[in-house]
Protein backbone atom coordinates (compact mmCIF):
# COMPACT_ATOMS: atom_id res chain seq x y z
CA UNK A 1 -118.00 108.30 200.84
CA UNK A 2 -121.62 107.92 201.88
CA UNK A 3 -123.76 104.87 201.13
CA UNK A 4 -125.70 106.61 198.47
CA UNK A 5 -122.64 108.04 196.81
CA UNK A 6 -120.94 104.65 196.88
CA UNK A 7 -124.10 103.12 195.17
CA UNK A 8 -124.29 105.79 192.61
CA UNK A 9 -120.69 105.21 191.72
CA UNK A 10 -121.38 101.49 191.38
CA UNK A 11 -124.45 102.12 189.26
CA UNK A 12 -122.39 104.54 186.97
CA UNK A 13 -119.86 101.84 186.56
CA UNK A 14 -122.33 99.22 185.39
CA UNK A 15 -124.01 101.87 182.97
CA UNK A 16 -120.67 102.53 181.46
CA UNK A 17 -119.88 98.89 180.87
CA UNK A 18 -123.38 98.31 179.25
CA UNK A 19 -123.03 101.42 177.32
CA UNK A 20 -119.62 99.98 175.75
CA UNK A 21 -121.85 96.74 174.87
CA UNK A 22 -124.55 98.97 173.34
CA UNK A 23 -122.09 100.81 171.29
CA UNK A 24 -120.84 97.69 169.79
CA UNK A 25 -124.39 96.58 168.90
CA UNK A 26 -125.19 99.99 167.50
CA UNK A 27 -122.28 99.61 165.04
CA UNK A 28 -123.47 96.23 164.00
CA UNK A 29 -127.24 96.98 163.68
CA UNK A 30 -127.69 100.64 163.80
CA UNK A 31 -125.12 101.37 161.04
CA UNK A 32 -124.71 98.07 159.26
CA UNK A 33 -128.08 96.11 159.60
CA UNK A 34 -126.62 93.12 161.17
CA UNK A 35 -129.04 91.42 163.46
CA UNK A 36 -126.78 90.00 166.19
CA UNK A 37 -128.88 88.10 168.71
CA UNK A 38 -125.88 86.60 170.44
CA UNK A 39 -124.55 89.67 172.15
CA UNK A 40 -124.11 88.00 175.55
CA UNK A 41 -121.87 85.33 173.83
CA UNK A 42 -119.12 87.84 172.86
CA UNK A 43 -119.58 89.44 176.29
CA UNK A 44 -118.91 86.12 177.82
CA UNK A 45 -115.85 85.49 175.84
CA UNK A 46 -114.22 88.73 176.79
CA UNK A 47 -115.05 88.12 180.34
CA UNK A 48 -113.88 84.62 180.68
CA UNK A 49 -110.74 85.33 178.60
CA UNK A 50 -109.83 88.16 181.17
CA UNK A 51 -110.57 85.63 183.92
CA UNK A 52 -108.46 82.73 182.58
CA UNK A 53 -105.56 84.89 181.97
CA UNK A 54 -105.48 87.01 185.29
CA UNK A 55 -106.78 84.59 187.84
CA UNK A 56 -104.38 83.34 190.45
CA UNK A 57 -102.98 79.89 189.64
CA UNK A 58 -104.80 76.78 190.98
CA UNK A 59 -104.08 73.19 190.52
CA UNK A 60 -105.92 71.03 188.04
CA UNK A 61 -106.94 74.25 186.03
CA UNK A 62 -106.06 74.74 182.41
CA UNK A 63 -105.92 78.49 182.69
CA UNK A 64 -105.36 80.85 185.64
CA UNK A 65 -102.06 82.30 184.43
CA UNK A 66 -101.93 85.04 187.00
CA UNK A 67 -101.22 87.59 184.23
CA UNK A 68 -101.42 91.51 184.93
CA UNK A 69 -104.88 92.98 184.32
CA UNK A 70 -103.71 95.08 181.47
CA UNK A 71 -102.59 91.85 179.55
CA UNK A 72 -106.08 90.49 180.37
CA UNK A 73 -108.02 93.29 178.80
CA UNK A 74 -105.84 92.98 175.66
CA UNK A 75 -106.12 89.34 175.64
CA UNK A 76 -109.87 89.53 175.91
CA UNK A 77 -110.09 91.92 172.84
CA UNK A 78 -107.94 89.79 170.83
CA UNK A 79 -109.66 86.46 171.53
CA UNK A 80 -113.02 88.09 171.10
CA UNK A 81 -111.91 89.54 167.70
CA UNK A 82 -110.66 86.27 166.61
CA UNK A 83 -113.96 84.49 167.57
CA UNK A 84 -115.96 87.13 165.93
CA UNK A 85 -113.98 86.80 162.70
CA UNK A 86 -114.32 83.00 162.72
CA UNK A 87 -118.08 83.19 163.54
CA UNK A 88 -118.48 85.92 161.02
CA UNK A 89 -116.86 84.07 158.30
CA UNK A 90 -119.51 81.44 158.64
CA UNK A 91 -122.66 83.61 159.42
CA UNK A 92 -122.10 86.87 157.94
CA UNK A 93 -123.86 86.01 154.57
CA UNK A 94 -126.98 85.15 156.55
CA UNK A 95 -129.86 87.90 156.57
CA UNK A 96 -132.45 88.88 159.13
CA UNK A 97 -133.89 85.90 161.05
CA UNK A 98 -131.41 83.48 160.05
CA UNK A 99 -128.53 85.63 161.27
CA UNK A 100 -130.38 86.28 164.45
CA UNK A 101 -131.02 82.59 165.03
CA UNK A 102 -127.54 81.34 164.30
CA UNK A 103 -125.97 83.99 166.53
CA UNK A 104 -128.31 83.20 169.39
CA UNK A 105 -127.59 79.53 169.11
CA UNK A 106 -123.78 80.22 169.23
CA UNK A 107 -124.23 82.38 172.38
CA UNK A 108 -126.30 79.61 174.01
CA UNK A 109 -123.40 77.24 173.03
CA UNK A 110 -120.74 79.60 174.57
CA UNK A 111 -122.84 79.68 177.84
CA UNK A 112 -122.90 75.83 177.89
CA UNK A 113 -119.29 75.67 177.30
CA UNK A 114 -118.46 77.85 180.31
CA UNK A 115 -120.91 75.80 182.38
CA UNK A 116 -119.44 72.42 181.69
CA UNK A 117 -115.70 72.96 180.93
CA UNK A 118 -114.97 73.08 184.56
CA UNK A 119 -111.10 72.56 184.03
CA UNK A 120 -110.90 75.94 182.25
CA UNK A 121 -113.82 78.10 183.41
CA UNK A 122 -114.43 76.64 186.82
CA UNK A 123 -117.85 75.22 185.61
CA UNK A 124 -120.85 76.39 187.69
CA UNK A 125 -118.62 77.60 190.52
CA UNK A 126 -116.68 80.08 188.18
CA UNK A 127 -113.40 81.64 188.78
CA UNK A 128 -112.20 83.99 191.69
CA UNK A 129 -109.05 85.89 192.53
CA UNK A 130 -109.09 87.66 189.25
CA UNK A 131 -106.79 90.64 188.24
CA UNK A 132 -108.66 93.70 189.18
CA UNK A 133 -107.64 96.95 187.14
CA UNK A 134 -106.05 99.55 189.52
CA UNK A 135 -106.47 97.39 192.62
CA UNK A 136 -102.82 97.62 193.24
CA UNK A 137 -103.28 101.37 193.84
CA UNK A 138 -106.50 101.56 195.58
CA UNK A 139 -107.14 99.23 198.42
CA UNK A 140 -110.50 100.26 199.81
CA UNK A 141 -113.72 99.31 197.98
CA UNK A 142 -114.80 102.92 197.77
CA UNK A 143 -111.46 104.18 196.27
CA UNK A 144 -111.23 101.26 193.87
CA UNK A 145 -114.84 101.96 192.57
CA UNK A 146 -114.17 105.54 192.17
CA UNK A 147 -110.90 105.02 190.18
CA UNK A 148 -112.55 102.33 188.03
CA UNK A 149 -115.35 104.69 187.31
CA UNK A 150 -112.74 107.29 185.96
CA UNK A 151 -111.07 104.38 184.04
CA UNK A 152 -114.38 103.26 182.42
CA UNK A 153 -115.40 106.69 181.55
CA UNK A 154 -112.17 107.27 179.75
CA UNK A 155 -112.52 103.95 177.83
CA UNK A 156 -116.02 104.64 176.77
CA UNK A 157 -115.08 108.11 175.72
CA UNK A 158 -112.19 106.80 173.64
CA UNK A 159 -114.57 104.21 171.98
CA UNK A 160 -117.22 106.75 171.39
CA UNK A 161 -114.78 109.25 169.81
CA UNK A 162 -113.22 106.46 167.66
CA UNK A 163 -116.50 105.09 166.39
CA UNK A 164 -117.57 108.70 165.51
CA UNK A 165 -114.49 109.25 163.45
CA UNK A 166 -114.89 105.93 161.78
CA UNK A 167 -118.55 106.30 160.95
CA UNK A 168 -118.22 109.90 159.60
CA UNK A 169 -115.44 108.62 157.28
CA UNK A 170 -115.97 107.09 153.88
CA UNK A 171 -115.85 103.59 155.61
CA UNK A 172 -118.84 104.62 157.69
CA UNK A 173 -120.62 106.00 154.60
CA UNK A 174 -120.32 102.52 153.05
CA UNK A 175 -121.93 100.86 156.08
CA UNK A 176 -124.87 102.92 155.82
CA UNK A 177 -125.02 102.36 152.08
CA UNK A 178 -124.94 98.56 152.56
CA UNK A 179 -127.66 98.81 155.26
CA UNK A 180 -130.01 100.67 153.03
CA UNK A 181 -129.46 98.93 149.82
CA UNK A 182 -126.76 96.27 149.73
CA UNK A 183 -127.48 95.38 146.02
CA UNK A 184 -126.85 98.98 145.04
CA UNK A 185 -123.69 99.39 147.11
CA UNK A 186 -122.34 96.09 145.46
CA UNK A 187 -123.39 97.49 142.14
CA UNK A 188 -121.08 100.49 142.78
CA UNK A 189 -118.14 98.17 143.52
CA UNK A 190 -118.17 98.00 147.26
CA UNK A 191 -117.24 94.54 148.77
CA UNK A 192 -120.31 94.34 151.20
CA UNK A 193 -119.20 91.02 152.77
CA UNK A 194 -115.83 92.52 153.78
CA UNK A 195 -117.50 95.73 155.25
CA UNK A 196 -120.13 93.70 157.08
CA UNK A 197 -117.54 91.33 158.67
CA UNK A 198 -115.25 94.32 159.74
CA UNK A 199 -118.32 95.95 161.47
CA UNK A 200 -119.17 92.51 163.13
CA UNK A 201 -115.72 92.00 164.41
CA UNK A 202 -115.30 95.47 165.65
CA UNK A 203 -118.65 95.77 167.36
CA UNK A 204 -118.09 92.24 169.01
CA UNK A 205 -114.51 93.32 170.14
CA UNK A 206 -116.05 96.26 172.06
CA UNK A 207 -118.63 93.62 173.68
CA UNK A 208 -115.61 91.50 174.61
CA UNK A 209 -113.72 94.40 176.14
CA UNK A 210 -116.91 95.20 178.25
CA UNK A 211 -117.32 91.66 179.45
CA UNK A 212 -113.59 91.76 180.54
CA UNK A 213 -114.19 95.21 182.40
CA UNK A 214 -117.37 93.68 184.02
CA UNK A 215 -115.32 90.82 185.37
CA UNK A 216 -112.43 92.98 186.37
CA UNK A 217 -114.94 95.14 188.41
CA UNK A 218 -116.60 92.45 190.06
CA UNK A 219 -113.61 90.27 190.72
CA UNK A 220 -115.66 87.03 189.99
CA UNK A 221 -116.95 85.13 186.89
CA UNK A 222 -119.54 82.50 186.54
CA UNK A 223 -121.86 81.25 183.67
CA UNK A 224 -124.77 82.83 185.33
CA UNK A 225 -123.42 86.27 184.64
CA UNK A 226 -123.98 85.56 180.88
CA UNK A 227 -127.54 84.75 180.59
CA UNK A 228 -129.59 85.53 177.31
CA UNK A 229 -131.56 88.26 179.20
CA UNK A 230 -128.46 90.34 178.74
CA UNK A 231 -128.87 90.45 174.99
CA UNK A 232 -132.60 91.39 175.52
CA UNK A 233 -131.48 94.30 177.81
CA UNK A 234 -128.90 95.53 175.43
CA UNK A 235 -131.19 95.44 172.48
CA UNK A 236 -133.67 97.39 174.52
CA UNK A 237 -131.09 100.04 175.38
CA UNK A 238 -130.17 100.54 171.80
CA UNK A 239 -133.91 100.83 170.59
CA UNK A 240 -135.03 103.07 173.52
CA UNK A 241 -131.90 105.38 173.05
CA UNK A 242 -132.08 105.40 169.33
CA UNK A 243 -130.58 102.99 166.76
CA UNK A 244 -128.01 104.47 164.35
CA UNK A 245 -126.91 107.16 167.01
CA UNK A 246 -124.02 106.64 169.32
CA UNK A 247 -125.23 109.28 171.90
CA UNK A 248 -128.73 107.42 171.76
CA UNK A 249 -126.80 104.26 172.57
CA UNK A 250 -125.17 105.79 175.70
CA UNK A 251 -128.50 107.50 176.73
CA UNK A 252 -130.53 104.24 176.40
CA UNK A 253 -127.95 102.17 178.45
CA UNK A 254 -128.54 104.98 181.20
CA UNK A 255 -132.37 105.15 180.94
CA UNK A 256 -132.99 101.20 180.78
CA UNK A 257 -130.56 100.39 183.52
CA UNK A 258 -132.06 102.96 185.67
CA UNK A 259 -135.49 101.29 185.07
CA UNK A 260 -134.19 97.92 185.80
CA UNK A 261 -132.33 98.92 189.02
CA UNK A 262 -135.28 101.16 190.28
CA UNK A 263 -137.87 98.28 189.58
CA UNK A 264 -135.54 95.85 191.33
CA UNK A 265 -135.36 98.05 194.43
CA UNK A 266 -139.12 98.53 194.53
CA UNK A 267 -139.75 94.79 194.06
CA UNK A 268 -137.42 94.19 196.96
CA UNK A 269 -139.16 96.56 199.12
CA UNK A 270 -142.73 95.72 198.32
CA UNK A 271 -142.78 92.04 197.86
CA UNK A 272 -142.11 89.41 200.39
CA UNK A 273 -138.95 87.17 199.85
CA UNK A 274 -141.25 84.13 198.98
CA UNK A 275 -142.21 85.97 195.86
CA UNK A 276 -138.72 87.01 194.77
CA UNK A 277 -138.98 84.95 191.59
CA UNK A 278 -142.21 86.75 190.37
CA UNK A 279 -140.30 90.13 191.16
CA UNK A 280 -137.75 89.23 188.80
CA UNK A 281 -140.22 88.58 186.30
CA UNK A 282 -141.83 92.03 187.08
CA UNK A 283 -138.51 93.73 185.97
CA UNK A 284 -138.45 91.99 182.72
CA UNK A 285 -142.16 92.88 182.00
CA UNK A 286 -141.32 96.54 182.83
CA UNK A 287 -138.47 96.50 180.34
CA UNK A 288 -140.64 95.05 177.72
CA UNK A 289 -143.18 97.56 178.40
CA UNK A 290 -140.77 100.33 177.97
CA UNK A 291 -139.62 98.87 174.72
CA UNK A 292 -143.21 98.54 173.44
CA UNK A 293 -144.11 102.11 174.44
CA UNK A 294 -140.91 103.47 172.81
CA UNK A 295 -141.70 101.55 169.44
CA UNK A 296 -145.24 102.91 169.54
CA UNK A 297 -144.59 106.48 170.57
CA UNK A 298 -140.92 107.18 169.25
CA UNK A 299 -139.96 104.39 167.07
CA UNK A 300 -136.67 106.25 166.15
CA UNK A 301 -135.86 106.18 170.05
CA UNK A 302 -135.00 109.15 172.24
CA UNK A 303 -132.35 110.33 169.86
CA UNK A 304 -132.98 109.45 166.36
CA UNK A 305 -130.24 108.87 163.78
CA UNK A 306 -128.66 111.97 162.37
CA UNK A 307 -129.07 112.71 158.84
CA UNK A 308 -125.60 112.32 156.99
CA UNK A 309 -125.20 114.53 153.95
CA UNK A 310 -122.44 113.44 151.43
CA UNK A 311 -121.85 113.66 147.85
CA UNK A 312 -120.40 110.17 147.44
CA UNK A 313 -119.55 106.90 149.49
CA UNK A 314 -116.09 105.43 148.97
CA UNK A 315 -114.32 102.75 150.64
């Protein structure tokens, strides 16, 4: 496999992982109106759970159980779902800015735990020797990346199909009703809090699965993989692609990550190493510029939300 082809496979793998995160956020915000500013926190929970469960045993570590990668993925989803349920029980009644502030604070707290609880997370050094999906079948990096791309495509396709089925069902129509007018939905007998919590948990579980898949792909985890900038990137992907449309979430992940990657390559080529920090700032500025232009020119995103026609919504 040529160098360009290998890079494109790597690029596609990252896009699919971020697309899974964006699908989770789209369920929360695009269809339910939940302003989750702590996306990276659930991404980190999934990633670290997978790492702790699958990393090779080491002395003086609380985790590192050396489990099979499939158990690591399942454990990551279960732990993320439990954490989302506990957090949601506390915060789900908050609205707008209050929910955003609380979820952002929780994400920062999670990142600080990963940084300081060295006995469990490895601290700033992170964890290595993790269970990598399919690594037992594909030994060369090129073969592994190609197989991983197929695995990711299958998982994202399954998640997309499942979300589409759910959102076109009565359950999905209730979510839209709550987003548009929660008071009216409650007046019709819908348990808005329960529906909001369900959407929050399912969306966060997808984020945790994406974090586990990312860690399995890279084979290493550290607190610096889960910085708040990721939440900004995912929100930009959703808004650029089109909130309330799962196809838009996928397209937004591709477009925004392409801008981020191409700008990074351009900065590396054009700026001297001494100005690398300024180059990173340029990437953030370009993503912010893309977001502003999209909000001004196409506020509904590249693919706007589809109109849903139904005679009634029932849960």
